[in-house]
Amino acid sequence: MKEKQRTLIVLLVFVLAAGAALALLTHANQKAEQAASEAEEGSIPLLDVTTATLESISIQYGGETLTLRPSDDGWTLTEDPAYHLDDSACNTIRTALAGMKAKRQLEAQPGEDYGFDAPQLVVNVSAAGESTTLTVGAENPVTGDVYVRREGGDAVYTVDAARFRCMEQTKAELFGAFSPAGITVSDIEAVRYTLQSGETVELRSVSQPTEADSTTYQTVWQLTDEPDAALDTDKTDALLAALASYVTGQDTAADPSACGFDAPLVTAEVTTADSTVTLTYAIGTDGYYMMVSGDSSVYTVDGQTVQALCLTARQLKADT
């Protein structure tokens, strides 16, 4: 009996020891994984910035200097306040800079080319009243890291190149697509547009029952001067969508004459419950453009957008 008890005790001790060893091994593996993760992300503080304290970001890239400032209403470009930025892209840049850490800190070696003479980027970050400038040099093809130098110091840091990719964007690439007229298809109640030929087309929306004795109504578009003419709904839908579509670019200092607005392709007056806005479309040497009443910017639009608007009254009819 005592022999069995001793055997059980030995087995119990063995099981406990094995469990403890397994726990230690698991903990060691977790620590190793954590250390590897920290090494991959970086552990050397490079920027003392949070998304809440960041005040502005100035980026020198591709021959341009872009200064981005956040506010409760979105982001503003200091060099061109009327320019419509992509808020999501700017938020991504802010997140990439917040609490940025380096993987390694190196002593600059004489004769070693770190790419600082012709940097990929120069990023200045202002936060909590202080400013820090990072110069981003060459990328190490083996590690995929870039060399970074902080203004006022001689140390060279290595940072994952992916952290800076979102900053490698020109002004045009940071544009945020939107509808300058601020209208949606459901807002539109009437449209009056004049083609380059001089023809004017007027459309209005009316509410009609879906069937003769139905209490369900639908919106139908009609020619104002030919209300009984059947219209091609695909064409009218495309026309309305074009009027409410997003623009793809913006130039706040463009010369309208150089963009073809002296002889526009189509000028449309769009009426909603709140107001009437005029949209003018033209073709220039580099593409199609639009201007909105009350806005001096010239916007870039897709060619299909303009084509959907350049239809005569006859072309809008279902039998053509």
Protein backbone atom coordinates (compact mmCIF):
# COMPACT_ATOMS: atom_id res chain seq x y z
CA MET A 1 0.00 0.00 0.00
CA LYS A 2 2.78 2.38 0.97
CA GLU A 3 4.59 1.44 -2.23
CA LYS A 4 1.55 2.49 -4.28
CA GLN A 5 1.31 5.77 -2.38
CA ARG A 6 4.96 6.52 -3.08
CA THR A 7 4.40 5.75 -6.75
CA LEU A 8 1.39 8.06 -6.88
CA ILE A 9 3.33 10.82 -5.15
CA VAL A 10 6.20 10.45 -7.61
CA LEU A 11 3.77 10.57 -10.53
CA LEU A 12 2.04 13.63 -9.06
CA VAL A 13 5.36 15.42 -8.62
CA PHE A 14 6.29 14.53 -12.19
CA VAL A 15 2.98 15.86 -13.53
CA LEU A 16 3.34 19.09 -11.54
CA ALA A 17 6.91 19.53 -12.72
CA ALA A 18 5.90 18.91 -16.32
CA GLY A 19 3.07 21.40 -16.00
CA ALA A 20 5.38 24.01 -14.52
CA ALA A 21 7.91 23.42 -17.30
CA LEU A 22 5.18 23.76 -19.91
CA ALA A 23 3.95 26.99 -18.33
CA LEU A 24 7.48 28.39 -18.29
CA LEU A 25 8.00 27.37 -21.90
CA THR A 26 4.70 28.95 -22.95
CA HIS A 27 5.57 32.16 -21.11
CA ALA A 28 9.00 32.21 -22.70
CA ASN A 29 7.47 31.75 -26.15
CA GLN A 30 5.01 34.55 -25.50
CA LYS A 31 7.82 36.84 -24.38
CA ALA A 32 9.84 35.91 -27.45
CA GLU A 33 6.87 36.61 -29.73
CA GLN A 34 6.27 39.92 -27.97
CA ALA A 35 9.94 40.85 -28.32
CA ALA A 36 9.90 39.90 -32.00
CA SER A 37 6.75 41.95 -32.53
CA GLU A 38 8.27 44.95 -30.75
CA ALA A 39 11.43 44.61 -32.79
CA GLU A 40 9.39 44.51 -35.97
CA GLU A 41 7.33 47.56 -35.03
CA GLY A 42 10.19 49.42 -33.37
CA SER A 43 10.86 50.29 -29.75
CA ILE A 44 12.92 53.50 -29.92
CA PRO A 45 10.70 56.61 -29.53
CA LEU A 46 11.08 58.90 -32.51
CA LEU A 47 8.08 61.22 -32.23
CA ASP A 48 6.32 62.28 -29.05
CA VAL A 49 3.02 62.82 -30.83
CA THR A 50 -0.50 61.49 -30.41
CA THR A 51 -3.49 61.85 -32.70
CA ALA A 52 -4.97 64.22 -30.12
CA THR A 53 -1.94 66.51 -29.72
CA LEU A 54 -0.92 66.78 -33.39
CA GLU A 55 -1.43 70.32 -34.71
CA SER A 56 -0.01 70.21 -38.23
CA ILE A 57 1.98 68.07 -40.66
CA SER A 58 4.21 69.58 -43.32
CA ILE A 59 5.40 67.17 -46.01
CA GLN A 60 8.00 67.86 -48.68
CA TYR A 61 7.57 65.32 -51.46
CA GLY A 62 7.81 65.32 -55.24
CA GLY A 63 8.83 68.97 -55.36
CA GLU A 64 5.79 70.09 -53.35
CA THR A 65 5.35 71.23 -49.77
CA LEU A 66 1.96 70.38 -48.31
CA THR A 67 0.95 71.51 -44.84
CA LEU A 68 -2.03 69.65 -43.42
CA ARG A 69 -4.00 70.97 -40.46
CA PRO A 70 -6.77 69.05 -38.68
CA SER A 71 -9.95 70.59 -37.33
CA ASP A 72 -13.36 69.47 -36.18
CA ASP A 73 -14.59 69.89 -39.77
CA GLY A 74 -11.82 67.85 -41.39
CA TRP A 75 -8.43 68.73 -42.84
CA THR A 76 -7.22 71.96 -44.44
CA LEU A 77 -4.29 72.53 -46.78
CA THR A 78 -2.50 75.65 -45.52
CA GLU A 79 -1.04 76.48 -48.93
CA ASP A 80 -4.49 76.27 -50.57
CA PRO A 81 -7.31 76.43 -47.99
CA ALA A 82 -10.08 76.03 -50.59
CA TYR A 83 -8.64 72.72 -51.79
CA HIS A 84 -10.73 69.69 -50.83
CA LEU A 85 -8.52 67.14 -49.09
CA ASP A 86 -9.19 63.46 -48.60
CA ASP A 87 -9.86 63.37 -44.85
CA SER A 88 -9.36 59.62 -44.68
CA ALA A 89 -5.90 59.85 -46.28
CA CYS A 90 -4.92 62.65 -43.90
CA ASN A 91 -6.13 60.63 -40.92
CA THR A 92 -3.97 57.73 -42.09
CA ILE A 93 -0.92 60.00 -42.19
CA ARG A 94 -1.65 61.26 -38.67
CA THR A 95 -2.01 57.71 -37.37
CA ALA A 96 1.28 56.68 -39.00
CA LEU A 97 3.12 59.52 -37.26
CA ALA A 98 1.50 59.15 -33.84
CA GLY A 99 3.97 57.59 -31.44
CA MET A 100 6.32 56.63 -34.28
CA LYS A 101 9.18 54.40 -33.14
CA ALA A 102 12.42 53.35 -34.77
CA LYS A 103 13.79 49.82 -34.89
CA ARG A 104 17.44 50.75 -34.49
CA GLN A 105 19.62 53.74 -33.70
CA LEU A 106 22.91 53.90 -35.57
CA GLU A 107 25.98 56.07 -35.45
CA ALA A 108 26.48 57.66 -38.85
CA GLN A 109 29.53 56.15 -40.52
CA PRO A 110 31.87 58.34 -42.62
CA GLY A 111 31.40 57.70 -46.33
CA GLU A 112 28.14 55.82 -45.82
CA ASP A 113 25.30 57.06 -48.03
CA TYR A 114 22.03 57.17 -46.11
CA GLY A 115 20.21 59.17 -48.78
CA PHE A 116 19.84 62.36 -46.78
CA ASP A 117 21.33 64.54 -49.53
CA ALA A 118 18.36 63.67 -51.77
CA PRO A 119 15.68 62.56 -49.30
CA GLN A 120 12.49 60.78 -50.26
CA LEU A 121 10.55 62.85 -47.76
CA VAL A 122 10.99 65.63 -45.25
CA VAL A 123 8.24 65.62 -42.64
CA ASN A 124 7.72 68.34 -40.06
CA VAL A 125 5.30 67.56 -37.24
CA SER A 126 3.96 70.16 -34.83
CA ALA A 127 2.31 69.00 -31.63
CA ALA A 128 1.71 70.58 -28.24
CA GLY A 129 3.61 73.69 -29.31
CA GLU A 130 6.74 71.82 -30.37
CA SER A 131 8.05 71.01 -33.83
CA THR A 132 10.06 67.99 -35.00
CA THR A 133 11.49 67.46 -38.48
CA LEU A 134 12.29 64.01 -39.86
CA THR A 135 14.38 63.55 -43.00
CA VAL A 136 13.63 60.23 -44.70
CA GLY A 137 16.54 58.94 -46.72
CA ALA A 138 17.25 55.79 -48.70
CA GLU A 139 15.53 52.45 -48.24
CA ASN A 140 17.59 49.41 -47.30
CA PRO A 141 16.61 46.80 -49.92
CA VAL A 142 17.49 43.94 -47.57
CA THR A 143 15.52 44.97 -44.48
CA GLY A 144 12.83 47.11 -46.12
CA ASP A 145 13.58 49.89 -43.64
CA VAL A 146 14.38 53.52 -44.41
CA TYR A 147 17.06 55.64 -42.79
CA VAL A 148 15.67 58.57 -40.84
CA ARG A 149 17.41 61.52 -39.24
CA ARG A 150 15.84 63.84 -36.73
CA GLU A 151 16.68 67.52 -37.07
CA GLY A 152 19.21 68.67 -34.50
CA GLY A 153 20.79 65.24 -34.04
CA ASP A 154 23.46 63.14 -35.73
CA ALA A 155 21.96 59.74 -34.99
CA VAL A 156 20.56 57.66 -37.84
CA TYR A 157 17.42 55.64 -37.20
CA THR A 158 15.87 52.78 -39.13
CA VAL A 159 12.08 52.74 -39.52
CA ASP A 160 9.78 50.42 -41.41
CA ALA A 161 9.39 52.03 -44.85
CA ALA A 162 5.69 51.16 -44.84
CA ARG A 163 5.10 53.80 -42.15
CA PHE A 164 5.94 56.54 -44.65
CA ARG A 165 4.20 55.18 -47.76
CA CYS A 166 0.99 57.06 -46.99
CA MET A 167 2.94 60.34 -47.03
CA GLU A 168 4.31 59.80 -50.52
CA GLN A 169 1.41 61.58 -52.17
CA THR A 170 1.19 64.71 -54.28
CA LYS A 171 -1.42 67.39 -53.85
CA ALA A 172 -3.50 65.86 -56.63
CA GLU A 173 -3.30 62.44 -55.00
CA LEU A 174 -4.51 63.87 -51.68
CA PHE A 175 -7.63 65.32 -53.28
CA GLY A 176 -10.87 64.08 -51.77
CA ALA A 177 -13.59 63.33 -54.32
CA PHE A 178 -16.91 65.04 -53.53
CA SER A 179 -19.88 66.82 -55.07
CA PRO A 180 -19.12 70.57 -55.11
CA ALA A 181 -22.79 71.36 -55.76
CA GLY A 182 -23.73 69.43 -52.64
CA ILE A 183 -26.72 67.75 -54.26
CA THR A 184 -27.93 64.18 -54.53
CA VAL A 185 -30.16 62.62 -57.16
CA SER A 186 -33.10 62.52 -54.75
CA ASP A 187 -32.72 66.29 -54.13
CA ILE A 188 -33.28 67.26 -57.76
CA GLU A 189 -36.75 68.54 -58.66
CA ALA A 190 -36.09 70.19 -62.03
CA VAL A 191 -33.30 70.61 -64.56
CA ARG A 192 -32.86 73.18 -67.30
CA TYR A 193 -29.77 72.79 -69.46
CA THR A 194 -28.45 74.49 -72.58
CA LEU A 195 -26.26 72.66 -75.07
CA GLN A 196 -23.41 74.16 -77.08
CA SER A 197 -25.74 74.17 -80.09
CA GLY A 198 -28.05 76.57 -78.26
CA GLU A 199 -30.85 74.05 -77.64
CA THR A 200 -32.39 74.27 -74.20
CA VAL A 201 -33.92 71.20 -72.56
CA GLU A 202 -36.18 71.43 -69.51
CA LEU A 203 -37.06 68.48 -67.30
CA ARG A 204 -39.24 68.30 -64.24
CA SER A 205 -40.13 65.55 -61.81
CA VAL A 206 -43.75 64.66 -61.15
CA SER A 207 -45.32 62.16 -58.82
CA GLN A 208 -47.63 59.65 -60.47
CA PRO A 209 -49.48 56.55 -59.23
CA THR A 210 -47.76 53.33 -60.21
CA GLU A 211 -51.13 52.09 -61.59
CA ALA A 212 -54.41 53.78 -62.47
CA ASP A 213 -56.14 52.97 -59.16
CA SER A 214 -53.02 52.62 -57.03
CA THR A 215 -52.25 54.58 -53.88
CA THR A 216 -48.53 54.01 -54.43
CA TYR A 217 -46.72 56.81 -56.22
CA GLN A 218 -43.47 57.02 -58.15
CA THR A 219 -41.33 59.90 -59.42
CA VAL A 220 -41.40 60.31 -63.18
CA TRP A 221 -39.37 62.76 -65.26
CA GLN A 222 -41.01 64.70 -68.07
CA LEU A 223 -40.03 67.25 -70.67
CA THR A 224 -41.61 70.50 -69.53
CA ASP A 225 -42.88 71.40 -73.00
CA GLU A 226 -43.78 67.79 -73.93
CA PRO A 227 -45.12 66.20 -70.74
CA ASP A 228 -46.74 63.31 -72.61
CA ALA A 229 -43.54 62.24 -74.37
CA ALA A 230 -42.17 58.95 -73.05
CA LEU A 231 -38.56 59.32 -71.95
CA ASP A 232 -35.79 56.73 -71.80
CA THR A 233 -35.43 56.20 -68.05
CA ASP A 234 -31.88 54.89 -68.42
CA LYS A 235 -30.88 58.18 -70.04
CA THR A 236 -32.68 60.39 -67.54
CA ASP A 237 -31.26 58.37 -64.65
CA ALA A 238 -27.75 58.75 -66.10
CA LEU A 239 -28.30 62.48 -66.57
CA LEU A 240 -29.40 62.98 -62.96
CA ALA A 241 -26.54 60.83 -61.67
CA ALA A 242 -24.09 62.92 -63.69
CA LEU A 243 -25.35 66.15 -62.12
CA ALA A 244 -24.86 64.73 -58.62
CA SER A 245 -21.62 62.86 -59.36
CA TYR A 246 -18.32 63.41 -57.57
CA VAL A 247 -15.53 65.39 -59.20
CA THR A 248 -12.09 63.80 -59.52
CA GLY A 249 -9.83 66.82 -59.16
CA GLN A 250 -9.70 70.51 -58.31
CA ASP A 251 -7.69 73.55 -59.39
CA THR A 252 -8.41 76.63 -57.33
CA ALA A 253 -6.25 78.90 -59.51
CA ALA A 254 -7.14 77.67 -63.00
CA ASP A 255 -8.00 80.04 -65.84
CA PRO A 256 -11.54 79.12 -66.95
CA SER A 257 -10.84 80.36 -70.48
CA ALA A 258 -7.92 77.95 -70.80
CA CYS A 259 -10.24 75.11 -69.77
CA GLY A 260 -12.85 75.77 -72.45
CA PHE A 261 -15.43 77.70 -70.44
CA ASP A 262 -15.66 80.45 -73.06
CA ALA A 263 -17.60 77.91 -75.14
CA PRO A 264 -19.07 75.40 -72.68
CA LEU A 265 -20.47 72.07 -73.78
CA VAL A 266 -23.47 72.33 -71.50
CA THR A 267 -24.77 74.66 -68.80
CA ALA A 268 -27.28 73.18 -66.37
CA GLU A 269 -29.53 74.87 -63.84
CA VAL A 270 -30.42 72.34 -61.17
CA THR A 271 -33.33 73.10 -58.86
CA THR A 272 -33.83 71.49 -55.47
CA ALA A 273 -36.27 72.29 -52.69
CA ASP A 274 -33.70 74.65 -51.18
CA SER A 275 -32.06 76.42 -54.11
CA THR A 276 -31.01 76.51 -57.74
CA VAL A 277 -27.37 75.90 -58.64
CA THR A 278 -25.71 76.30 -62.03
CA LEU A 279 -23.23 73.70 -63.25
CA THR A 280 -21.14 74.46 -66.33
CA TYR A 281 -19.22 71.78 -68.22
CA ALA A 282 -16.44 72.29 -70.75
CA ILE A 283 -13.68 70.43 -72.55
CA GLY A 284 -10.03 71.51 -72.46
CA THR A 285 -6.74 70.17 -73.73
CA ASP A 286 -6.39 67.80 -70.76
CA GLY A 287 -9.94 66.59 -70.30
CA TYR A 288 -13.39 67.59 -69.12
CA TYR A 289 -14.08 70.23 -66.51
CA MET A 290 -16.91 71.63 -64.40
CA MET A 291 -17.57 74.87 -62.55
CA VAL A 292 -20.26 75.55 -59.95
CA SER A 293 -21.97 78.89 -59.45
CA GLY A 294 -20.46 80.77 -56.52
CA ASP A 295 -17.22 78.74 -56.68
CA SER A 296 -14.16 79.89 -58.61
CA SER A 297 -12.51 76.45 -58.66
CA VAL A 298 -12.28 74.41 -61.83
CA TYR A 299 -13.05 70.74 -61.20
CA THR A 300 -12.06 67.70 -63.23
CA VAL A 301 -14.87 65.35 -64.24
CA ASP A 302 -15.15 62.08 -66.11
CA GLY A 303 -15.92 62.20 -69.83
CA GLN A 304 -18.89 59.86 -69.40
CA THR A 305 -20.40 62.35 -66.97
CA VAL A 306 -20.41 65.08 -69.60
CA GLN A 307 -21.64 62.74 -72.34
CA ALA A 308 -24.68 61.84 -70.21
CA LEU A 309 -25.59 65.54 -70.11
CA CYS A 310 -25.08 66.38 -73.79
CA LEU A 311 -28.38 64.91 -74.99
CA THR A 312 -31.00 66.75 -76.98
CA ALA A 313 -34.68 66.50 -76.11
CA ARG A 314 -35.16 64.09 -79.00
CA GLN A 315 -32.32 61.86 -77.78
CA LEU A 316 -33.95 61.63 -74.36
CA LYS A 317 -37.13 60.15 -75.77
CA ALA A 318 -37.76 56.44 -75.45
CA ASP A 319 -38.28 55.89 -79.17
CA THR A 320 -34.83 57.17 -80.24
